[in-house]
């Protein structure tokens, strides 16, 4: 079976490479000729562990090809995945301009029966919207089916998530379309992956509901952490006590500076706007967004409280990306935190294993260093913002010799307060008591 993936951003490229690994012939299409030329040479435009090797392997074995010719991809494929961006507009709604452009092109190009699959995160009703556009732009009345197949890929572990998913959601009205989609995903039947077969509209809603709920868990534990600090409780133990209740579960109960990235902020805003368009006020998700923004500012207050007035001080910062194992800095908490600290007069020197090329475009005043120890050299305090694994094994005796004073503000709770105390480091974290270093 031949399939076409339109859009070689994060979702499209991972999806195409993984389907090719399943043995399917995949054509990835994008109108960015420079990106396509790079992919043909094995150059991966995003940082994702294991993706470069997977792309090169399947391209070498002729299961994965790249083109900027949409007609070529559509005409030779039975299943066409739409995986273009759906960014937020000024009101927070999902901007469907790229989806619309692709639907028009598919309508003009298709020459027989096709299955059109939305992989992009789109509002409920987009399947019908796409179908209407395709019909309007067809030169001849060719049959097609719409399917919603939302992605649940976590940046940094996307290949594992595709190959061993918690579930596969297929929204369709046609039994034929469902059968063909199941055939595409047939390797997952061997590992007994649950399949959720439902309507297009319900599948579209499952994606938004999932992300909104996970974002709610993050904002909840962040608020709980702020209360724990005030009463002297340990939020890690609180989260563990909660998470052992199977009705709650332990995932997404890790306090920190708030959520970011390409999904949670965008999708929660879109859910709020969807509700408002239906004359319904989604109070819980609105609160989640408010708490998330406030949490970033609360982290700045924490840094000021720990380090004192920031004017004239140098702060070493470890981590810019919104999470580890990605180069994605979209809506990363670090962007807000660093800009606020600069506004208070701080000089920032930072290091991130993958995010610095993009960060340089947005953080013009930040001095970017070559490694984590350079980021600490001469700093009045060290601030940990992203939980990269290499930041979990810092040589603290070496770092103490580089810092002006042994002050660490850990916004991801990567270290044990007692051990930091014994190392002679004054240690501030999130939702746990502060410890002073041994004199």
Protein backbone atom coordinates (compact mmCIF):
# COMPACT_ATOMS: atom_id res chain seq x y z
CA UNK A 1 0.00 0.00 0.00
CA UNK A 2 1.22 3.52 -0.82
CA UNK A 3 0.48 6.45 1.48
CA UNK A 4 1.18 10.17 1.34
CA UNK A 5 2.01 12.42 4.29
CA UNK A 6 1.45 16.13 3.58
CA UNK A 7 3.59 18.21 5.91
CA UNK A 8 7.04 17.16 7.16
CA UNK A 9 6.99 18.96 10.46
CA UNK A 10 7.33 17.06 13.70
CA UNK A 11 4.16 14.96 13.37
CA UNK A 12 4.41 14.33 9.63
CA UNK A 13 8.05 13.31 9.59
CA UNK A 14 7.76 10.95 12.56
CA UNK A 15 4.56 9.44 11.16
CA UNK A 16 6.07 8.93 7.71
CA UNK A 17 9.28 7.36 9.03
CA UNK A 18 7.41 5.00 11.36
CA UNK A 19 4.93 3.85 8.71
CA UNK A 20 7.89 3.19 6.41
CA UNK A 21 9.39 1.08 9.19
CA UNK A 22 6.13 -0.91 9.10
CA UNK A 23 7.01 -1.79 5.48
CA UNK A 24 4.66 0.70 3.83
CA UNK A 25 5.70 2.83 0.86
CA UNK A 26 5.54 6.45 2.05
CA UNK A 27 5.79 9.72 0.15
CA UNK A 28 6.27 12.81 2.32
CA UNK A 29 5.26 16.11 0.72
CA UNK A 30 6.07 19.66 1.76
CA UNK A 31 6.15 22.98 -0.08
CA UNK A 32 9.39 23.97 1.68
CA UNK A 33 11.87 23.01 -1.03
CA UNK A 34 14.89 23.63 1.17
CA UNK A 35 13.58 21.27 3.81
CA UNK A 36 12.79 18.59 1.20
CA UNK A 37 16.26 18.93 -0.32
CA UNK A 38 17.79 18.48 3.12
CA UNK A 39 15.69 15.42 3.90
CA UNK A 40 16.72 13.83 0.62
CA UNK A 41 20.30 14.18 1.85
CA UNK A 42 19.43 12.70 5.23
CA UNK A 43 19.39 16.04 7.08
CA UNK A 44 16.70 16.08 9.77
CA UNK A 45 15.21 19.53 10.50
CA UNK A 46 14.15 18.66 14.07
CA UNK A 47 15.83 17.05 17.06
CA UNK A 48 14.18 13.76 17.99
CA UNK A 49 16.13 10.76 19.34
CA UNK A 50 16.34 7.94 16.80
CA UNK A 51 14.57 9.81 13.99
CA UNK A 52 17.62 10.50 11.82
CA UNK A 53 18.59 6.84 11.78
CA UNK A 54 15.02 5.76 10.98
CA UNK A 55 14.67 8.24 8.12
CA UNK A 56 18.00 7.33 6.56
CA UNK A 57 17.37 3.59 6.86
CA UNK A 58 13.94 3.69 5.18
CA UNK A 59 15.05 6.17 2.52
CA UNK A 60 17.97 3.89 1.70
CA UNK A 61 15.59 0.92 1.43
CA UNK A 62 13.26 2.91 -0.88
CA UNK A 63 10.24 2.89 1.44
CA UNK A 64 10.46 6.61 2.27
CA UNK A 65 10.76 9.42 -0.24
CA UNK A 66 10.41 13.19 -0.13
CA UNK A 67 8.99 15.61 -2.68
CA UNK A 68 7.60 19.11 -3.03
CA UNK A 69 5.20 17.87 -5.73
CA UNK A 70 1.84 17.30 -4.01
CA UNK A 71 0.25 15.92 -7.18
CA UNK A 72 2.90 13.19 -7.32
CA UNK A 73 2.21 12.19 -3.74
CA UNK A 74 -1.59 12.21 -3.97
CA UNK A 75 -1.99 10.39 -7.29
CA UNK A 76 0.20 7.47 -6.28
CA UNK A 77 -1.34 6.96 -2.82
CA UNK A 78 -4.51 5.39 -1.48
CA UNK A 79 -4.30 7.07 1.93
CA UNK A 80 -3.40 10.74 2.33
CA UNK A 81 -2.49 12.10 5.75
CA UNK A 82 -2.83 15.82 6.44
CA UNK A 83 -0.12 16.73 8.98
CA UNK A 84 0.29 20.48 8.54
CA UNK A 85 0.44 23.01 11.34
CA UNK A 86 -2.66 24.36 13.07
CA UNK A 87 -1.26 27.28 15.11
CA UNK A 88 -3.34 29.48 17.37
CA UNK A 89 -4.81 32.65 15.89
CA UNK A 90 -5.08 35.89 17.87
CA UNK A 91 -8.20 34.67 19.69
CA UNK A 92 -6.71 31.26 20.52
CA UNK A 93 -8.67 29.33 17.87
CA UNK A 94 -6.90 26.75 15.71
CA UNK A 95 -5.86 28.44 12.48
CA UNK A 96 -6.89 26.10 9.65
CA UNK A 97 -5.44 28.06 6.73
CA UNK A 98 -2.85 25.38 5.91
CA UNK A 99 -5.43 22.60 6.25
CA UNK A 100 -7.68 24.51 3.85
CA UNK A 101 -4.88 24.97 1.30
CA UNK A 102 -4.05 21.27 1.40
CA UNK A 103 -7.72 20.25 1.06
CA UNK A 104 -8.08 22.46 -2.02
CA UNK A 105 -4.97 20.92 -3.58
CA UNK A 106 -6.15 17.37 -2.84
CA UNK A 107 -9.50 18.12 -4.46
CA UNK A 108 -7.85 19.41 -7.62
CA UNK A 109 -5.38 16.53 -7.77
CA UNK A 110 -7.19 13.34 -6.79
CA UNK A 111 -7.94 10.96 -9.64
CA UNK A 112 -9.78 8.13 -7.89
CA UNK A 113 -10.94 6.83 -4.52
CA UNK A 114 -8.85 8.15 -1.61
CA UNK A 115 -8.93 8.12 2.17
CA UNK A 116 -8.18 11.55 3.58
CA UNK A 117 -6.85 11.38 7.14
CA UNK A 118 -6.43 14.31 9.51
CA UNK A 119 -3.33 13.78 11.64
CA UNK A 120 -3.09 17.44 12.61
CA UNK A 121 -4.88 18.50 15.77
CA UNK A 122 -8.07 20.16 14.52
CA UNK A 123 -11.35 21.38 16.04
CA UNK A 124 -14.45 19.23 15.99
CA UNK A 125 -16.14 19.59 12.61
CA UNK A 126 -12.92 19.93 10.62
CA UNK A 127 -13.51 16.57 8.90
CA UNK A 128 -16.73 17.87 7.41
CA UNK A 129 -15.02 21.17 6.60
CA UNK A 130 -12.26 19.39 4.66
CA UNK A 131 -14.74 17.16 2.84
CA UNK A 132 -16.69 20.19 1.66
CA UNK A 133 -13.57 21.91 0.34
CA UNK A 134 -12.42 18.80 -1.51
CA UNK A 135 -15.82 18.44 -3.21
CA UNK A 136 -15.77 22.10 -4.24
CA UNK A 137 -12.38 21.75 -5.92
CA UNK A 138 -12.76 18.37 -7.63
CA UNK A 139 -12.58 18.44 -11.40
CA UNK A 140 -14.49 15.17 -11.45
CA UNK A 141 -16.67 13.59 -8.78
CA UNK A 142 -14.22 11.08 -7.28
CA UNK A 143 -15.30 9.20 -4.13
CA UNK A 144 -13.34 9.58 -0.89
CA UNK A 145 -13.68 8.94 2.83
CA UNK A 146 -12.68 11.17 5.73
CA UNK A 147 -10.87 9.73 8.75
CA UNK A 148 -9.70 11.38 11.95
CA UNK A 149 -6.58 9.69 13.33
CA UNK A 150 -5.18 12.06 15.99
CA UNK A 151 -1.56 11.73 17.06
CA UNK A 152 -0.44 11.29 20.65
CA UNK A 153 3.30 11.67 20.17
CA UNK A 154 5.43 13.09 22.97
CA UNK A 155 8.41 15.06 21.79
CA UNK A 156 11.56 13.27 22.87
CA UNK A 157 9.93 9.82 22.75
CA UNK A 158 7.84 10.07 19.59
CA UNK A 159 9.13 6.94 17.87
CA UNK A 160 8.46 4.81 20.92
CA UNK A 161 4.99 6.36 21.20
CA UNK A 162 4.20 5.50 17.58
CA UNK A 163 5.57 1.98 17.76
CA UNK A 164 4.06 1.16 21.17
CA UNK A 165 1.04 3.47 21.59
CA UNK A 166 -1.45 3.42 24.45
CA UNK A 167 -4.20 3.37 21.82
CA UNK A 168 -4.96 4.16 18.19
CA UNK A 169 -8.03 6.33 17.60
CA UNK A 170 -9.81 6.00 14.25
CA UNK A 171 -12.81 8.17 13.51
CA UNK A 172 -14.67 7.29 10.32
CA UNK A 173 -18.13 6.65 8.88
CA UNK A 174 -17.05 4.11 6.27
CA UNK A 175 -16.36 0.46 7.10
CA UNK A 176 -14.03 0.35 4.11
CA UNK A 177 -11.97 3.24 5.43
CA UNK A 178 -11.73 1.63 8.88
CA UNK A 179 -10.60 -1.66 7.35
CA UNK A 180 -7.87 0.04 5.30
CA UNK A 181 -6.67 2.07 8.29
CA UNK A 182 -6.52 -1.07 10.43
CA UNK A 183 -4.43 -2.68 7.72
CA UNK A 184 -1.99 0.23 7.87
CA UNK A 185 -1.62 -0.25 11.61
CA UNK A 186 -1.64 -4.06 11.47
CA UNK A 187 1.82 -4.45 13.13
CA UNK A 188 0.29 -2.97 16.29
CA UNK A 189 -2.20 -5.80 16.54
CA UNK A 190 0.70 -8.11 17.34
CA UNK A 191 1.34 -6.16 20.54
CA UNK A 192 -2.39 -5.96 21.33
CA UNK A 193 -2.69 -2.19 21.01
CA UNK A 194 -6.25 -1.04 21.81
CA UNK A 195 -8.10 0.51 18.87
CA UNK A 196 -10.87 3.05 19.45
CA UNK A 197 -13.23 3.09 16.45
CA UNK A 198 -15.67 5.96 16.53
CA UNK A 199 -17.11 8.85 14.54
CA UNK A 200 -14.93 11.54 13.00
CA UNK A 201 -16.25 14.17 15.40
CA UNK A 202 -15.67 12.03 18.48
CA UNK A 203 -12.09 11.24 17.40
CA UNK A 204 -11.41 14.94 16.94
CA UNK A 205 -12.72 15.61 20.43
CA UNK A 206 -10.68 12.80 22.02
CA UNK A 207 -7.46 14.58 21.09
CA UNK A 208 -8.51 17.90 22.61
CA UNK A 209 -10.00 16.27 25.69
CA UNK A 210 -6.81 14.29 26.32
CA UNK A 211 -4.49 17.28 26.10
CA UNK A 212 -6.77 19.52 28.12
CA UNK A 213 -6.96 16.94 30.91
CA UNK A 214 -3.20 16.38 31.02
CA UNK A 215 -2.62 20.14 31.11
CA UNK A 216 -5.10 20.30 34.00
CA UNK A 217 -3.07 17.74 35.97
CA UNK A 218 0.09 19.81 35.46
CA UNK A 219 -1.52 23.06 36.61
CA UNK A 220 -3.12 21.28 39.55
CA UNK A 221 0.14 19.86 40.88
CA UNK A 222 1.87 23.21 40.34
CA UNK A 223 -0.72 24.94 42.48
CA UNK A 224 -0.42 22.19 45.06
CA UNK A 225 3.35 22.71 45.08
CA UNK A 226 2.92 26.40 45.78
CA UNK A 227 0.73 25.57 48.78
CA UNK A 228 3.20 22.91 49.97
CA UNK A 229 5.93 25.53 50.12
CA UNK A 230 3.79 27.67 52.39
CA UNK A 231 2.98 24.87 54.84
CA UNK A 232 6.31 23.03 54.80
CA UNK A 233 5.04 19.92 53.01
CA UNK A 234 6.89 17.98 50.29
CA UNK A 235 4.98 17.99 47.01
CA UNK A 236 6.82 14.90 45.78
CA UNK A 237 5.42 12.85 48.61
CA UNK A 238 2.00 14.43 48.09
CA UNK A 239 2.12 13.51 44.40
CA UNK A 240 3.23 9.97 45.20
CA UNK A 241 0.41 9.56 47.70
CA UNK A 242 -2.05 10.81 45.12
CA UNK A 243 -0.63 8.85 42.20
CA UNK A 244 -0.88 5.49 43.94
CA UNK A 245 -4.64 5.90 43.77
CA UNK A 246 -5.43 4.15 40.50
CA UNK A 247 -8.22 6.61 39.79
CA UNK A 248 -5.59 9.36 39.61
CA UNK A 249 -2.34 7.71 38.48
CA UNK A 250 1.23 9.01 38.84
CA UNK A 251 1.75 10.57 35.39
CA UNK A 252 1.86 14.35 34.91
CA UNK A 253 2.10 15.05 38.63
CA UNK A 254 5.56 16.58 38.47
CA UNK A 255 5.72 20.21 39.62
CA UNK A 256 7.71 22.77 37.70
CA UNK A 257 7.59 26.09 35.85
CA UNK A 258 4.47 25.24 33.81
CA UNK A 259 3.78 23.52 30.50
CA UNK A 260 4.87 24.67 27.07
CA UNK A 261 5.53 23.22 23.63
CA UNK A 262 3.47 22.91 20.50
CA UNK A 263 0.44 21.07 21.91
CA UNK A 264 -0.79 21.84 25.42
CA UNK A 265 -0.89 25.67 25.21
CA UNK A 266 -2.40 25.66 21.72
CA UNK A 267 -4.90 22.89 22.33
CA UNK A 268 -6.16 24.22 25.67
CA UNK A 269 -6.75 27.63 24.11
CA UNK A 270 -8.56 25.98 21.21
CA UNK A 271 -10.84 24.05 23.59
CA UNK A 272 -11.77 27.28 25.37
CA UNK A 273 -12.53 28.97 22.05
CA UNK A 274 -14.53 25.98 20.82
CA UNK A 275 -16.64 26.08 23.97
CA UNK A 276 -17.19 29.82 23.61
CA UNK A 277 -18.31 29.38 20.00
CA UNK A 278 -20.96 26.99 21.35
CA UNK A 279 -22.04 29.53 23.98
CA UNK A 280 -20.42 27.53 26.79
CA UNK A 281 -17.85 28.78 29.30
CA UNK A 282 -15.21 26.09 29.94
CA UNK A 283 -14.17 27.40 33.35
CA UNK A 284 -11.76 24.59 34.29
CA UNK A 285 -9.59 24.87 31.20
CA UNK A 286 -9.61 28.67 31.38
CA UNK A 287 -8.26 28.35 34.92
CA UNK A 288 -5.60 25.89 33.71
CA UNK A 289 -4.31 28.48 31.23
CA UNK A 290 -4.34 31.23 33.85
CA UNK A 291 -2.48 29.09 36.38
CA UNK A 292 0.10 28.06 33.80
CA UNK A 293 0.94 31.65 32.93
CA UNK A 294 1.06 32.63 36.60
CA UNK A 295 3.39 29.71 37.39
CA UNK A 296 6.08 31.09 35.09
CA UNK A 297 5.92 34.45 36.88
CA UNK A 298 5.94 32.69 40.24
CA UNK A 299 9.23 31.06 39.22
CA UNK A 300 10.72 34.52 38.62
CA UNK A 301 9.57 35.58 42.10
CA UNK A 302 11.21 32.44 43.50
CA UNK A 303 14.51 33.30 41.81
CA UNK A 304 14.40 36.88 43.10
CA UNK A 305 13.59 35.69 46.61
CA UNK A 306 16.53 33.29 46.52
CA UNK A 307 19.12 35.48 44.80
CA UNK A 308 18.02 38.94 45.93
CA UNK A 309 17.53 41.91 43.58
CA UNK A 310 18.67 40.81 40.11
CA UNK A 311 19.99 44.12 38.85
CA UNK A 312 23.67 43.68 38.01
CA UNK A 313 23.70 39.99 38.89
CA UNK A 314 24.77 37.18 36.55
CA UNK A 315 22.59 34.09 36.47
CA UNK A 316 23.63 30.78 34.97
CA UNK A 317 20.72 28.98 33.32
CA UNK A 318 20.56 25.31 32.34
CA UNK A 319 17.82 24.41 29.88
CA UNK A 320 15.80 26.45 27.38
CA UNK A 321 13.59 23.88 25.61
CA UNK A 322 10.14 23.18 27.00
CA UNK A 323 11.19 19.60 27.81
CA UNK A 324 14.30 17.43 27.36
CA UNK A 325 15.21 15.45 24.23
CA UNK A 326 13.84 18.05 21.84
CA UNK A 327 14.99 21.32 20.29
CA UNK A 328 11.48 22.77 20.57
CA UNK A 329 11.31 26.09 22.41
CA UNK A 330 7.74 26.97 21.41
CA UNK A 331 6.05 28.55 24.43
CA UNK A 332 8.80 27.15 26.64
CA UNK A 333 8.57 28.49 30.22
CA UNK A 334 12.24 29.47 29.97
CA UNK A 335 11.42 32.15 27.38
CA UNK A 336 9.11 34.00 29.76
CA UNK A 337 11.36 33.46 32.78
CA UNK A 338 14.55 34.67 31.08
CA UNK A 339 12.93 37.74 29.54
CA UNK A 340 11.46 38.71 32.92
CA UNK A 341 14.84 38.27 34.62
CA UNK A 342 16.50 40.41 31.95
CA UNK A 343 13.83 43.04 32.57
CA UNK A 344 14.87 43.07 36.23
CA UNK A 345 18.47 43.80 35.24
CA UNK A 346 20.01 40.32 35.30
CA UNK A 347 22.73 39.17 32.93
CA UNK A 348 21.94 35.67 31.65
CA UNK A 349 24.43 33.05 30.50
CA UNK A 350 22.74 29.84 29.40
CA UNK A 351 23.32 26.39 28.02
CA UNK A 352 20.93 23.89 26.41
CA UNK A 353 21.98 20.66 24.62
CA UNK A 354 19.69 21.18 21.63
CA UNK A 355 17.67 24.39 21.89
CA UNK A 356 20.29 27.13 21.52
CA UNK A 357 20.11 27.64 17.73
CA UNK A 358 16.41 28.55 17.96
CA UNK A 359 16.79 30.34 21.29
CA UNK A 360 19.41 32.70 19.84
CA UNK A 361 16.75 34.06 17.49
CA UNK A 362 14.46 35.09 20.37
CA UNK A 363 16.80 35.78 23.28
CA UNK A 364 19.16 38.36 21.81
CA UNK A 365 20.71 39.48 25.12
CA UNK A 366 21.42 36.02 26.50
CA UNK A 367 25.02 34.83 26.31
CA UNK A 368 24.97 31.18 25.23
CA UNK A 369 27.74 28.92 26.49
CA UNK A 370 29.33 25.75 25.13
CA UNK A 371 28.63 23.54 28.13
CA UNK A 372 26.87 23.51 31.49
CA UNK A 373 29.96 24.44 33.48
CA UNK A 374 30.61 27.51 31.35
CA UNK A 375 27.04 28.58 32.13
CA UNK A 376 27.90 28.51 35.84
CA UNK A 377 31.25 30.31 35.54
CA UNK A 378 31.12 33.49 37.64
CA UNK A 379 27.35 33.32 38.18
CA UNK A 380 25.65 34.57 41.34
CA UNK A 381 23.22 31.63 41.13
CA UNK A 382 22.52 28.62 38.95
CA UNK A 383 18.94 28.12 37.68
CA UNK A 384 17.84 24.72 36.32
CA UNK A 385 14.82 25.01 34.01
CA UNK A 386 14.78 21.91 31.77
CA UNK A 387 15.39 18.40 33.10
CA UNK A 388 17.93 17.13 30.56
CA UNK A 389 19.59 13.95 31.79
CA UNK A 390 23.04 15.49 31.65
CA UNK A 391 21.88 18.06 34.20
CA UNK A 392 21.07 15.24 36.65
CA UNK A 393 24.72 14.33 37.15
CA UNK A 394 26.48 17.64 37.65
CA UNK A 395 29.88 17.58 39.36
CA UNK A 396 28.83 19.88 42.16
CA UNK A 397 32.30 20.25 43.65
CA UNK A 398 33.46 21.58 40.29
CA UNK A 399 30.37 23.75 39.88
CA UNK A 400 30.76 25.23 43.37
CA UNK A 401 34.25 26.36 42.41
CA UNK A 402 32.85 28.17 39.37
CA UNK A 403 29.87 29.91 41.00
CA UNK A 404 30.34 33.12 42.97
CA UNK A 405 28.29 31.50 45.73
CA UNK A 406 26.81 28.01 46.09
CA UNK A 407 23.19 28.93 45.28
CA UNK A 408 21.02 26.66 43.10
CA UNK A 409 17.38 27.25 42.12
CA UNK A 410 16.02 24.02 40.66
CA UNK A 411 12.69 24.53 38.89
CA UNK A 412 12.40 20.81 38.01
CA UNK A 413 13.30 19.24 41.39
CA UNK A 414 16.09 17.16 39.88
CA UNK A 415 18.10 16.86 43.10
CA UNK A 416 17.60 15.65 46.63
CA UNK A 417 17.56 18.59 49.06
CA UNK A 418 19.40 16.65 51.77
CA UNK A 419 22.27 15.76 49.46
CA UNK A 420 22.56 19.34 48.25
CA UNK A 421 22.68 20.50 51.88
CA UNK A 422 25.52 18.06 52.58
CA UNK A 423 27.38 19.38 49.53
CA UNK A 424 27.29 22.87 51.00
CA UNK A 425 24.79 24.22 48.48
CA UNK A 426 21.82 26.43 49.31
CA UNK A 427 19.08 24.76 47.33
CA UNK A 428 15.66 26.05 46.32
CA UNK A 429 13.17 23.79 44.53
CA UNK A 430 9.44 23.71 43.75
CA UNK A 431 6.99 22.59 46.43
CA UNK A 432 9.68 21.44 48.86
CA UNK A 433 11.41 23.17 51.80
CA UNK A 434 14.53 25.22 50.99
CA UNK A 435 17.82 23.95 52.47
CA UNK A 436 20.93 25.93 53.33
CA UNK A 437 24.35 24.51 52.59
CA UNK A 438 26.62 23.32 55.39
CA UNK A 439 29.05 26.00 56.43
